[in-house]
C-alpha atoms as a PDB file:
ATOM      1  CA  TYR A   1       0.000   0.000   0.000  1.00  0.00           C
ATOM      2  CA  GLN A   2       1.422   3.355  -1.019  1.00  0.00           C
ATOM      3  CA  ARG A   3       0.416   6.945  -0.259  1.00  0.00           C
ATOM      4  CA  ARG A   4       1.436  10.231  -1.924  1.00  0.00           C
ATOM      5  CA  VAL A   5       1.557  13.532  -0.027  1.00  0.00           C
ATOM      6  CA  ARG A   6       2.487  16.632  -2.059  1.00  0.00           C
ATOM      7  CA  GLY A   7       4.402  14.651  -4.642  1.00  0.00           C
ATOM      8  CA  THR A   8       6.259  12.503  -2.105  1.00  0.00           C
ATOM      9  CA  ARG A   9       5.618   8.805  -1.886  1.00  0.00           C
ATOM     10  CA  PHE A  10       5.603   7.078   1.476  1.00  0.00           C
ATOM     11  CA  MET A  11       5.713   3.379   2.133  1.00  0.00           C
ATOM     12  CA  ASP A  12       3.920   1.821   5.049  1.00  0.00           C
ATOM     13  CA  LYS A  13       6.386   0.792   7.727  1.00  0.00           C
ATOM     14  CA  PRO A  14       7.159  -2.934   7.318  1.00  0.00           C
ATOM     15  CA  ARG A  15       6.107  -5.233  10.090  1.00  0.00           C
ATOM     16  CA  ARG A  16       8.843  -6.603  12.301  1.00  0.00           C
ATOM     17  CA  SER A  17       9.168 -10.351  12.218  1.00  0.00           C
ATOM     18  CA  PHE A  18      11.203 -12.995  13.938  1.00  0.00           C
ATOM     19  CA  PHE A  19      13.414 -13.339  10.865  1.00  0.00           C
ATOM     20  CA  THR A  20      14.264  -9.655  10.442  1.00  0.00           C
ATOM     21  CA  GLU A  21      14.599  -8.652  14.059  1.00  0.00           C
ATOM     22  CA  TYR A  22      18.237  -9.693  14.335  1.00  0.00           C
ATOM     23  CA  LYS A  23      21.323  -8.545  12.498  1.00  0.00           C
ATOM     24  CA  LYS A  24      24.247 -10.478  11.111  1.00  0.00           C
ATOM     25  CA  GLY A  25      26.666  -8.958  13.607  1.00  0.00           C
ATOM     26  CA  GLU A  26      24.808 -10.471  16.539  1.00  0.00           C
ATOM     27  CA  VAL A  27      26.042 -14.054  16.058  1.00  0.00           C
ATOM     28  CA  ASN A  28      28.562 -13.649  18.886  1.00  0.00           C
ATOM     29  CA  ASP A  29      25.866 -12.241  21.163  1.00  0.00           C
ATOM     30  CA  LEU A  30      23.698 -15.205  20.262  1.00  0.00           C
ATOM     31  CA  LYS A  31      26.546 -17.558  21.157  1.00  0.00           C
ATOM     32  CA  ASN A  32      26.825 -15.935  24.589  1.00  0.00           C
ATOM     33  CA  LEU A  33      23.054 -16.120  25.045  1.00  0.00           C
ATOM     34  CA  LEU A  34      23.005 -19.798  24.155  1.00  0.00           C
ATOM     35  CA  GLN A  35      25.913 -20.621  26.469  1.00  0.00           C
ATOM     36  CA  GLU A  36      24.259 -18.728  29.319  1.00  0.00           C
ATOM     37  CA  ALA A  37      21.000 -20.624  28.825  1.00  0.00           C
ATOM     38  CA  LEU A  38      22.876 -23.937  28.764  1.00  0.00           C
ATOM     39  CA  ASN A  39      24.817 -23.107  31.935  1.00  0.00           C
ATOM     40  CA  GLN A  40      21.655 -22.038  33.733  1.00  0.00           C
ATOM     41  CA  ARG A  41      19.739 -25.025  32.375  1.00  0.00           C
ATOM     42  CA  ASP A  42      16.932 -22.654  31.518  1.00  0.00           C
ATOM     43  CA  GLU A  43      14.774 -24.622  29.057  1.00  0.00           C
ATOM     44  CA  GLU A  44      12.810 -21.614  27.829  1.00  0.00           C
ATOM     45  CA  LYS A  45      15.970 -19.602  27.123  1.00  0.00           C
ATOM     46  CA  GLN A  46      17.527 -22.590  25.399  1.00  0.00           C
ATOM     47  CA  ARG A  47      14.522 -23.022  23.142  1.00  0.00           C
ATOM     48  CA  ASN A  48      14.428 -19.329  22.253  1.00  0.00           C
ATOM     49  CA  GLY A  49      18.162 -19.347  21.591  1.00  0.00           C
ATOM     50  CA  VAL A  50      17.875 -22.371  19.309  1.00  0.00           C
ATOM     51  CA  LYS A  51      14.999 -20.712  17.447  1.00  0.00           C
ATOM     52  CA  LYS A  52      17.123 -17.632  16.870  1.00  0.00           C
ATOM     53  CA  VAL A  53      19.973 -19.766  15.538  1.00  0.00           C
ATOM     54  CA  ILE A  54      17.613 -21.433  13.049  1.00  0.00           C
ATOM     55  CA  ALA A  55      16.247 -18.006  12.085  1.00  0.00           C
ATOM     56  CA  PHE A  56      19.784 -16.826  11.314  1.00  0.00           C
ATOM     57  CA  MET A  57      20.431 -20.008   9.342  1.00  0.00           C
ATOM     58  CA  THR A  58      17.250 -19.499   7.326  1.00  0.00           C
ATOM     59  CA  LEU A  59      18.426 -16.011   6.370  1.00  0.00           C
ATOM     60  CA  GLY A  60      21.670 -17.450   5.040  1.00  0.00           C
ATOM     61  CA  ILE A  61      23.834 -16.168   7.907  1.00  0.00           C
ATOM     62  CA  ASP A  62      26.764 -18.414   8.805  1.00  0.00           C
ATOM     63  CA  VAL A  63      26.103 -19.761  12.295  1.00  0.00           C
ATOM     64  CA  SER A  64      28.575 -22.640  12.065  1.00  0.00           C
ATOM     65  CA  PRO A  65      30.669 -21.243  14.996  1.00  0.00           C
ATOM     66  CA  LEU A  66      27.787 -22.278  17.263  1.00  0.00           C
ATOM     67  CA  PHE A  67      28.156 -25.971  16.380  1.00  0.00           C
ATOM     68  CA  ALA A  68      29.550 -27.113  19.744  1.00  0.00           C
ATOM     69  CA  ASP A  69      26.914 -25.164  21.676  1.00  0.00           C
ATOM     70  CA  MET A  70      24.112 -26.572  19.546  1.00  0.00           C
ATOM     71  CA  ILE A  71      25.314 -30.105  20.246  1.00  0.00           C
ATOM     72  CA  MET A  72      24.912 -29.370  23.946  1.00  0.00           C
ATOM     73  CA  ALA A  73      21.367 -28.136  23.264  1.00  0.00           C
ATOM     74  CA  THR A  74      20.272 -31.649  22.246  1.00  0.00           C
ATOM     75  CA  ASN A  75      20.283 -32.622  25.919  1.00  0.00           C
ATOM     76  CA  THR A  76      16.592 -31.854  26.419  1.00  0.00           C
ATOM     77  CA  ARG A  77      13.224 -33.575  26.551  1.00  0.00           C
ATOM     78  CA  ASP A  78      11.725 -30.827  24.395  1.00  0.00           C
ATOM     79  CA  LEU A  79      10.965 -32.549  21.083  1.00  0.00           C
ATOM     80  CA  VAL A  80      10.608 -29.286  19.158  1.00  0.00           C
ATOM     81  CA  GLN A  81      14.046 -28.134  20.326  1.00  0.00           C
ATOM     82  CA  LYS A  82      15.553 -31.496  19.363  1.00  0.00           C
ATOM     83  CA  LYS A  83      14.097 -31.233  15.859  1.00  0.00           C
ATOM     84  CA  LEU A  84      15.558 -27.751  15.412  1.00  0.00           C
ATOM     85  CA  VAL A  85      18.973 -28.793  16.674  1.00  0.00           C
ATOM     86  CA  TYR A  86      18.954 -31.895  14.441  1.00  0.00           C
ATOM     87  CA  LEU A  87      18.189 -29.636  11.472  1.00  0.00           C
ATOM     88  CA  TYR A  88      21.137 -27.434  12.367  1.00  0.00           C
ATOM     89  CA  LEU A  89      23.513 -30.398  12.808  1.00  0.00           C
ATOM     90  CA  CYS A  90      22.568 -31.872   9.428  1.00  0.00           C
ATOM     91  CA  THR A  91      23.156 -28.490   7.768  1.00  0.00           C
ATOM     92  CA  TYR A  92      26.590 -27.708   9.245  1.00  0.00           C
ATOM     93  CA  ALA A  93      28.078 -31.152   9.902  1.00  0.00           C
ATOM     94  CA  GLU A  94      30.122 -31.128   6.683  1.00  0.00           C
ATOM     95  CA  ARG A  95      31.722 -27.811   7.655  1.00  0.00           C
ATOM     96  CA  ASN A  96      32.623 -29.060  11.136  1.00  0.00           C
ATOM     97  CA  LYS A  97      33.976 -32.533  10.504  1.00  0.00           C
ATOM     98  CA  ASP A  98      36.200 -32.375  13.581  1.00  0.00           C
ATOM     99  CA  LEU A  99      33.199 -31.817  15.848  1.00  0.00           C
ATOM    100  CA  SER A 100      30.814 -34.038  13.906  1.00  0.00           C
ATOM    101  CA  LEU A 101      31.900 -37.108  15.859  1.00  0.00           C
ATOM    102  CA  LEU A 102      30.514 -35.401  18.970  1.00  0.00           C
ATOM    103  CA  ALA A 103      27.248 -34.898  17.106  1.00  0.00           C
ATOM    104  CA  VAL A 104      27.177 -38.594  16.176  1.00  0.00           C
ATOM    105  CA  ASN A 105      27.782 -39.586  19.800  1.00  0.00           C
ATOM    106  CA  THR A 106      24.862 -37.405  20.864  1.00  0.00           C
ATOM    107  CA  LEU A 107      22.614 -38.853  18.159  1.00  0.00           C
ATOM    108  CA  GLN A 108      23.626 -42.386  19.099  1.00  0.00           C
ATOM    109  CA  LYS A 109      22.517 -41.687  22.646  1.00  0.00           C
ATOM    110  CA  ASP A 110      19.130 -40.497  21.375  1.00  0.00           C
ATOM    111  CA  CYS A 111      18.838 -43.640  19.234  1.00  0.00           C
ATOM    112  CA  ARG A 112      18.578 -45.549  22.521  1.00  0.00           C
ATOM    113  CA  ASP A 113      15.830 -43.274  23.870  1.00  0.00           C
ATOM    114  CA  SER A 114      12.589 -44.823  25.116  1.00  0.00           C
ATOM    115  CA  SER A 115      10.531 -42.619  22.760  1.00  0.00           C
ATOM    116  CA  PRO A 116      10.180 -44.025  19.216  1.00  0.00           C
ATOM    117  CA  MET A 117       9.821 -40.469  17.900  1.00  0.00           C
ATOM    118  CA  VAL A 118      13.201 -39.476  19.338  1.00  0.00           C
ATOM    119  CA  ARG A 119      14.814 -42.702  18.098  1.00  0.00           C
ATOM    120  CA  GLY A 120      13.447 -42.138  14.601  1.00  0.00           C
ATOM    121  CA  LEU A 121      14.414 -38.467  14.429  1.00  0.00           C
ATOM    122  CA  SER A 122      17.943 -39.107  15.671  1.00  0.00           C
ATOM    123  CA  LEU A 123      18.445 -41.989  13.233  1.00  0.00           C
ATOM    124  CA  ARG A 124      17.171 -39.886  10.349  1.00  0.00           C
ATOM    125  CA  SER A 125      19.592 -37.111  11.327  1.00  0.00           C
ATOM    126  CA  MET A 126      22.556 -39.496  11.558  1.00  0.00           C
ATOM    127  CA  CYS A 127      21.826 -40.759   8.058  1.00  0.00           C
ATOM    128  CA  SER A 128      21.632 -37.159   6.795  1.00  0.00           C
ATOM    129  CA  LEU A 129      25.052 -35.955   8.020  1.00  0.00           C
ATOM    130  CA  ARG A 130      26.656 -36.689   4.612  1.00  0.00           C
ATOM    131  CA  ILE A 131      30.095 -37.499   6.055  1.00  0.00           C
ATOM    132  CA  PRO A 132      31.405 -40.834   4.678  1.00  0.00           C
ATOM    133  CA  GLU A 133      34.089 -41.082   7.378  1.00  0.00           C
ATOM    134  CA  LEU A 134      31.395 -41.415  10.068  1.00  0.00           C
ATOM    135  CA  LEU A 135      29.307 -44.116   8.395  1.00  0.00           C
ATOM    136  CA  GLU A 136      30.961 -46.905  10.371  1.00  0.00           C
ATOM    137  CA  HIS A 137      29.478 -45.314  13.495  1.00  0.00           C
ATOM    138  CA  VAL A 138      26.045 -45.003  11.896  1.00  0.00           C
ATOM    139  CA  LEU A 139      25.730 -48.522  10.443  1.00  0.00           C
ATOM    140  CA  PRO A 140      25.071 -50.442  13.723  1.00  0.00           C
ATOM    141  CA  TYR A 141      22.228 -48.084  14.622  1.00  0.00           C
ATOM    142  CA  LEU A 142      20.841 -48.303  11.097  1.00  0.00           C
ATOM    143  CA  LYS A 143      20.704 -52.093  11.384  1.00  0.00           C
ATOM    144  CA  SER A 144      19.110 -51.814  14.800  1.00  0.00           C
ATOM    145  CA  GLY A 145      16.498 -49.406  13.405  1.00  0.00           C
ATOM    146  CA  LEU A 146      15.458 -51.928  10.749  1.00  0.00           C
ATOM    147  CA  VAL A 147      14.269 -54.313  13.479  1.00  0.00           C
ATOM    148  CA  ASP A 148      12.972 -51.719  15.941  1.00  0.00           C
ATOM    149  CA  ILE A 149       9.621 -52.457  17.596  1.00  0.00           C
ATOM    150  CA  ALA A 150       8.210 -49.110  16.396  1.00  0.00           C
ATOM    151  CA  PRO A 151       7.034 -48.869  12.746  1.00  0.00           C
ATOM    152  CA  TYR A 152       8.126 -45.221  12.574  1.00  0.00           C
ATOM    153  CA  VAL A 153      11.720 -46.161  13.374  1.00  0.00           C
ATOM    154  CA  ARG A 154      11.713 -49.066  10.911  1.00  0.00           C
ATOM    155  CA  LYS A 155      10.329 -46.804   8.187  1.00  0.00           C
ATOM    156  CA  THR A 156      12.971 -44.158   8.931  1.00  0.00           C
ATOM    157  CA  ALA A 157      15.739 -46.772   8.905  1.00  0.00           C
ATOM    158  CA  ALA A 158      14.588 -48.070   5.517  1.00  0.00           C
ATOM    159  CA  LEU A 159      14.792 -44.591   4.012  1.00  0.00           C
ATOM    160  CA  GLY A 160      18.135 -44.065   5.745  1.00  0.00           C
ATOM    161  CA  CYS A 161      19.544 -47.017   3.798  1.00  0.00           C
ATOM    162  CA  ALA A 162      18.993 -45.109   0.556  1.00  0.00           C
ATOM    163  CA  LYS A 163      20.793 -42.038   1.954  1.00  0.00           C
ATOM    164  CA  ILE A 164      23.772 -44.124   3.077  1.00  0.00           C
ATOM    165  CA  TYR A 165      23.858 -45.920  -0.271  1.00  0.00           C
ATOM    166  CA  LYS A 166      24.312 -42.622  -2.102  1.00  0.00           C
ATOM    167  CA  LEU A 167      27.341 -41.801   0.037  1.00  0.00           C
ATOM    168  CA  MET A 168      28.966 -45.233   0.080  1.00  0.00           C
ATOM    169  CA  PRO A 169      27.193 -48.012  -1.864  1.00  0.00           C
ATOM    170  CA  GLU A 170      29.611 -50.732  -0.821  1.00  0.00           C
ATOM    171  CA  ILE A 171      28.820 -50.371   2.879  1.00  0.00           C
ATOM    172  CA  ILE A 172      25.154 -51.227   2.216  1.00  0.00           C
ATOM    173  CA  GLN A 173      26.038 -54.104  -0.086  1.00  0.00           C
ATOM    174  CA  ASP A 174      28.655 -55.625   2.223  1.00  0.00           C
ATOM    175  CA  ALA A 175      26.442 -55.382   5.312  1.00  0.00           C
ATOM    176  CA  GLY A 176      23.718 -57.546   3.757  1.00  0.00           C
ATOM    177  CA  ILE A 177      21.160 -54.772   4.141  1.00  0.00           C
ATOM    178  CA  ILE A 178      19.611 -55.357   0.704  1.00  0.00           C
ATOM    179  CA  ASN A 179      18.591 -58.883   1.725  1.00  0.00           C
ATOM    180  CA  LYS A 180      17.218 -57.500   4.986  1.00  0.00           C
ATOM    181  CA  LEU A 181      15.116 -54.986   3.045  1.00  0.00           C
ATOM    182  CA  TYR A 182      13.638 -57.786   0.955  1.00  0.00           C
ATOM    183  CA  GLU A 183      12.705 -59.575   4.179  1.00  0.00           C
ATOM    184  CA  MET A 184      11.003 -56.394   5.390  1.00  0.00           C
ATOM    185  CA  LEU A 185       8.526 -56.598   2.508  1.00  0.00           C
ATOM    186  CA  ARG A 186       6.620 -58.887   4.874  1.00  0.00           C
ATOM    187  CA  ASP A 187       6.443 -56.228   7.588  1.00  0.00           C
ATOM    188  CA  LYS A 188       3.021 -55.916   9.230  1.00  0.00           C
ATOM    189  CA  ASP A 189       2.966 -52.127   8.808  1.00  0.00           C
ATOM    190  CA  CYS A 190       2.055 -50.929   5.311  1.00  0.00           C
ATOM    191  CA  THR A 191       3.981 -47.636   5.587  1.00  0.00           C
ATOM    192  CA  VAL A 192       7.138 -49.610   6.317  1.00  0.00           C
ATOM    193  CA  VAL A 193       6.573 -51.803   3.246  1.00  0.00           C
ATOM    194  CA  ILE A 194       6.031 -48.782   0.981  1.00  0.00           C
ATOM    195  CA  ASN A 195       9.227 -47.130   2.212  1.00  0.00           C
ATOM    196  CA  VAL A 196      11.152 -50.378   1.763  1.00  0.00           C
ATOM    197  CA  ILE A 197       9.952 -50.546  -1.848  1.00  0.00           C
ATOM    198  CA  HIS A 198      11.031 -46.932  -2.404  1.00  0.00           C
ATOM    199  CA  THR A 199      14.470 -47.722  -0.992  1.00  0.00           C
ATOM    200  CA  LEU A 200      14.956 -50.932  -2.977  1.00  0.00           C
ATOM    201  CA  ASN A 201      13.951 -49.181  -6.202  1.00  0.00           C
ATOM    202  CA  GLU A 202      16.488 -46.450  -5.509  1.00  0.00           C
ATOM    203  CA  ILE A 203      19.321 -48.765  -4.494  1.00  0.00           C
ATOM    204  CA  LEU A 204      18.697 -51.162  -7.393  1.00  0.00           C
ATOM    205  CA  ALA A 205      17.899 -48.465  -9.975  1.00  0.00           C
ATOM    206  CA  ASP A 206      20.732 -49.606 -12.269  1.00  0.00           C
ATOM    207  CA  GLU A 207      19.169 -53.074 -12.315  1.00  0.00           C
ATOM    208  CA  GLY A 208      15.707 -51.788 -13.164  1.00  0.00           C
ATOM    209  CA  GLY A 209      14.473 -51.520  -9.592  1.00  0.00           C
ATOM    210  CA  MET A 210      13.599 -54.171  -7.052  1.00  0.00           C
ATOM    211  CA  ALA A 211      13.270 -57.710  -8.344  1.00  0.00           C
ATOM    212  CA  LEU A 212       9.893 -59.431  -8.264  1.00  0.00           C
ATOM    213  CA  ASN A 213       9.120 -63.107  -8.066  1.00  0.00           C
ATOM    214  CA  GLN A 214       5.929 -65.076  -7.611  1.00  0.00           C
ATOM    215  CA  ASN A 215       6.163 -65.215  -3.807  1.00  0.00           C
ATOM    216  CA  ILE A 216       6.668 -61.455  -3.470  1.00  0.00           C
ATOM    217  CA  VAL A 217       3.839 -60.670  -5.887  1.00  0.00           C
ATOM    218  CA  GLU A 218       1.403 -63.025  -4.154  1.00  0.00           C
ATOM    219  CA  HIS A 219       2.228 -61.521  -0.768  1.00  0.00           C
ATOM    220  CA  LEU A 220       1.777 -57.941  -1.986  1.00  0.00           C
ATOM    221  CA  MET A 221      -1.495 -58.859  -3.662  1.00  0.00           C
ATOM    222  CA  THR A 222      -2.930 -60.228  -0.415  1.00  0.00           C
ATOM    223  CA  LYS A 223      -2.047 -56.988   1.396  1.00  0.00           C
ATOM    224  CA  LEU A 224      -3.050 -54.577  -1.366  1.00  0.00           C
ATOM    225  CA  LYS A 225      -6.338 -53.487   0.231  1.00  0.00           C
ATOM    226  CA  ASN A 226      -4.561 -52.613   3.480  1.00  0.00           C
ATOM    227  CA  PHE A 227      -2.529 -49.838   1.824  1.00  0.00           C
ATOM    228  CA  ASP A 228      -3.833 -46.311   1.424  1.00  0.00           C
ATOM    229  CA  GLU A 229      -4.749 -45.175  -2.079  1.00  0.00           C
ATOM    230  CA  TRP A 230      -1.329 -43.736  -2.927  1.00  0.00           C
ATOM    231  CA  GLY A 231       0.351 -46.853  -1.598  1.00  0.00           C
ATOM    232  CA  GLN A 232      -1.896 -48.885  -3.873  1.00  0.00           C
ATOM    233  CA  CYS A 233      -0.861 -46.715  -6.825  1.00  0.00           C
ATOM    234  CA  MET A 234       2.766 -47.461  -6.109  1.00  0.00           C
ATOM    235  CA  LEU A 235       2.159 -51.201  -5.793  1.00  0.00           C
ATOM    236  CA  LEU A 236       0.182 -51.231  -9.023  1.00  0.00           C
ATOM    237  CA  GLU A 237       3.036 -49.476 -10.818  1.00  0.00           C
ATOM    238  CA  LEU A 238       5.417 -52.065  -9.402  1.00  0.00           C
ATOM    239  CA  LEU A 239       3.179 -54.965 -10.474  1.00  0.00           C
ATOM    240  CA  SER A 240       2.942 -53.562 -14.001  1.00  0.00           C
ATOM    241  CA  LYS A 241       6.638 -54.362 -14.451  1.00  0.00           C
ATOM    242  CA  TYR A 242       6.059 -58.032 -13.637  1.00  0.00           C
ATOM    243  CA  GLN A 243       5.016 -60.529 -16.263  1.00  0.00           C
ATOM    244  CA  PRO A 244       3.224 -63.337 -14.423  1.00  0.00           C
ATOM    245  CA  PRO A 245       3.113 -66.938 -15.598  1.00  0.00           C
ATOM    246  CA  GLU A 246      -0.093 -67.933 -17.363  1.00  0.00           C
ATOM    247  CA  ASP A 247      -1.474 -69.866 -14.392  1.00  0.00           C
ATOM    248  CA  MET A 248      -1.094 -66.766 -12.211  1.00  0.00           C
ATOM    249  CA  LEU A 249      -2.396 -64.199 -14.687  1.00  0.00           C
ATOM    250  CA  PHE A 250      -6.111 -64.681 -14.065  1.00  0.00           C
ATOM    251  CA  SER A 251      -5.611 -64.837 -10.318  1.00  0.00           C
ATOM    252  CA  ILE A 252      -3.993 -61.387 -10.312  1.00  0.00           C
ATOM    253  CA  MET A 253      -6.625 -59.891 -12.598  1.00  0.00           C
ATOM    254  CA  ASN A 254      -9.475 -61.288 -10.513  1.00  0.00           C
ATOM    255  CA  THR A 255      -7.907 -59.894  -7.358  1.00  0.00           C
ATOM    256  CA  LEU A 256      -7.458 -56.473  -8.928  1.00  0.00           C
ATOM    257  CA  ASP A 257     -10.893 -56.350 -10.512  1.00  0.00           C
ATOM    258  CA  ASP A 258     -12.524 -54.543  -7.565  1.00  0.00           C
ATOM    259  CA  ARG A 259      -9.824 -51.817  -7.767  1.00  0.00           C
ATOM    260  CA  LEU A 260     -11.632 -50.633 -10.908  1.00  0.00           C
ATOM    261  CA  ARG A 261     -14.359 -49.389  -8.562  1.00  0.00           C
ATOM    262  CA  SER A 262     -11.965 -47.309  -6.478  1.00  0.00           C
ATOM    263  CA  SER A 263     -12.799 -43.650  -5.896  1.00  0.00           C
ATOM    264  CA  ASN A 264      -9.184 -42.740  -6.682  1.00  0.00           C
ATOM    265  CA  SER A 265      -8.558 -42.316 -10.403  1.00  0.00           C
ATOM    266  CA  GLY A 266      -4.880 -43.195  -9.956  1.00  0.00           C
ATOM    267  CA  VAL A 267      -5.804 -46.627  -8.600  1.00  0.00           C
ATOM    268  CA  VAL A 268      -8.268 -47.193 -11.448  1.00  0.00           C
ATOM    269  CA  PHE A 269      -5.755 -46.178 -14.132  1.00  0.00           C
ATOM    270  CA  GLY A 270      -3.025 -48.257 -12.481  1.00  0.00           C
ATOM    271  CA  THR A 271      -5.286 -51.294 -12.617  1.00  0.00           C
ATOM    272  CA  ILE A 272      -6.237 -50.608 -16.230  1.00  0.00           C
ATOM    273  CA  ASN A 273      -2.549 -50.326 -17.117  1.00  0.00           C
ATOM    274  CA  ILE A 274      -1.874 -53.767 -15.637  1.00  0.00           C
ATOM    275  CA  PHE A 275      -4.841 -55.331 -17.447  1.00  0.00           C
ATOM    276  CA  MET A 276      -3.724 -53.890 -20.769  1.00  0.00           C
ATOM    277  CA  LYS A 277      -0.113 -55.014 -20.358  1.00  0.00           C
ATOM    278  CA  TYR A 278      -0.941 -58.503 -19.136  1.00  0.00           C
ATOM    279  CA  THR A 279      -3.291 -59.222 -22.063  1.00  0.00           C
ATOM    280  CA  GLN A 280      -1.492 -57.487 -24.923  1.00  0.00           C
ATOM    281  CA  ASN A 281      -0.471 -60.806 -26.472  1.00  0.00           C
ATOM    282  CA  ASP A 282      -3.981 -62.312 -26.310  1.00  0.00           C
ATOM    283  CA  SER A 283      -6.296 -60.422 -28.667  1.00  0.00           C
ATOM    284  CA  GLU A 284      -9.465 -62.102 -27.418  1.00  0.00           C
ATOM    285  CA  LEU A 285      -8.711 -61.434 -23.760  1.00  0.00           C
ATOM    286  CA  HIS A 286      -7.532 -57.934 -24.662  1.00  0.00           C
ATOM    287  CA  GLN A 287     -10.959 -57.207 -26.181  1.00  0.00           C
ATOM    288  CA  GLN A 288     -12.649 -58.434 -22.995  1.00  0.00           C
ATOM    289  CA  VAL A 289     -10.494 -56.003 -21.018  1.00  0.00           C
ATOM    290  CA  TYR A 290     -11.684 -53.125 -23.237  1.00  0.00           C
ATOM    291  CA  GLU A 291     -15.256 -54.025 -22.425  1.00  0.00           C
ATOM    292  CA  ARG A 292     -14.522 -54.348 -18.718  1.00  0.00           C
ATOM    293  CA  ILE A 293     -12.805 -50.973 -18.368  1.00  0.00           C
ATOM    294  CA  ARG A 294     -15.478 -49.033 -20.287  1.00  0.00           C
ATOM    295  CA  ASP A 295     -17.759 -48.411 -17.299  1.00  0.00           C
ATOM    296  CA  PRO A 296     -14.974 -47.354 -14.883  1.00  0.00           C
ATOM    297  CA  ILE A 297     -13.672 -44.884 -17.477  1.00  0.00           C
ATOM    298  CA  LEU A 298     -17.134 -43.419 -18.038  1.00  0.00           C
ATOM    299  CA  THR A 299     -17.571 -43.100 -14.285  1.00  0.00           C
ATOM    300  CA  ILE A 300     -14.321 -41.135 -13.977  1.00  0.00           C
ATOM    301  CA  LEU A 301     -15.218 -38.933 -16.939  1.00  0.00           C
ATOM    302  CA  SER A 302     -18.549 -38.010 -15.387  1.00  0.00           C
ATOM    303  CA  GLY A 303     -16.889 -36.494 -12.324  1.00  0.00           C
ATOM    304  CA  ALA A 304     -13.409 -35.575 -13.485  1.00  0.00           C
ATOM    305  CA  GLY A 305     -12.007 -32.087 -13.912  1.00  0.00           C
ATOM    306  CA  PRO A 306     -11.120 -30.685 -17.352  1.00  0.00           C
ATOM    307  CA  GLU A 307      -7.418 -31.598 -17.097  1.00  0.00           C
ATOM    308  CA  LEU A 308      -8.022 -35.268 -16.273  1.00  0.00           C
ATOM    309  CA  THR A 309     -10.825 -35.493 -18.844  1.00  0.00           C
ATOM    310  CA  TYR A 310      -8.567 -34.107 -21.587  1.00  0.00           C
ATOM    311  CA  VAL A 311      -5.720 -36.523 -20.819  1.00  0.00           C
ATOM    312  CA  LEU A 312      -8.067 -39.488 -20.645  1.00  0.00           C
ATOM    313  CA  LEU A 313      -9.797 -38.666 -23.921  1.00  0.00           C
ATOM    314  CA  LYS A 314      -6.445 -38.196 -25.677  1.00  0.00           C
ATOM    315  CA  HIS A 315      -5.348 -41.645 -24.519  1.00  0.00           C
ATOM    316  CA  ILE A 316      -8.644 -43.165 -25.659  1.00  0.00           C
ATOM    317  CA  LYS A 317      -8.061 -41.568 -29.065  1.00  0.00           C
ATOM    318  CA  LEU A 318      -4.646 -43.183 -29.319  1.00  0.00           C
END
């Protein structure tokens, strides 16, 4: 909003915010504030100090000199403060390799915490440090996370495997973690299974993604309805890469038939894609698939937006 008074333009005074209240030259003052809060064990001051550090970091100000003090700030039961400190450690660990071992020791301690949330967050942070020299300290806790009693920790550990693989592929291969991930496809928690599939596809990308066999496919088919809609979309995409033997073909199609009545268009299209691929070499069966998918397509068209309708009609034309 602008105003003009006698040819002069004035701008409304900008509102002060948490991110503009501090100046770059105050990093040393912030260090003193943080140390004072840590010495006094004042939880409120610690939390405010950590928030200010993250605010500086968000503005692009170098707050790496506070690394040692921020490590000390992880010694708290305040989950919000832990998350902020973990974010800081992951950002500046590469610049402070000498002190990063202290950060790993702190994170290892939190990996043994009674709270699954703390265990998961600390494990995720350890896997995000991006320092290959420290991976030997991370690996035992990564393995432990894969068999943790909490699904959140197992899910986090599965994703951590992909992060570690990018830094040092051989450490994942030599530790037998790929075989362990395949075993985790039978996990009772669907979110864990989905994250395991993501990780295997990333690790085995050069080989075309995770390998499928009849046992894996049958197991995933029995659990398909337990996944949320986006999990089902991912499984359907995975199944579309598998060419089943003839005696298994009709079993899969019969199991997937009710997915054509899903309210999610992605699930319906994923199922249609599988039907079309599986029957492309059988003209008679292929024609039956066309007849079967007609009603689901018309149902989607009746309630779809213009973008989805256009794409669908263009594919029908092809």
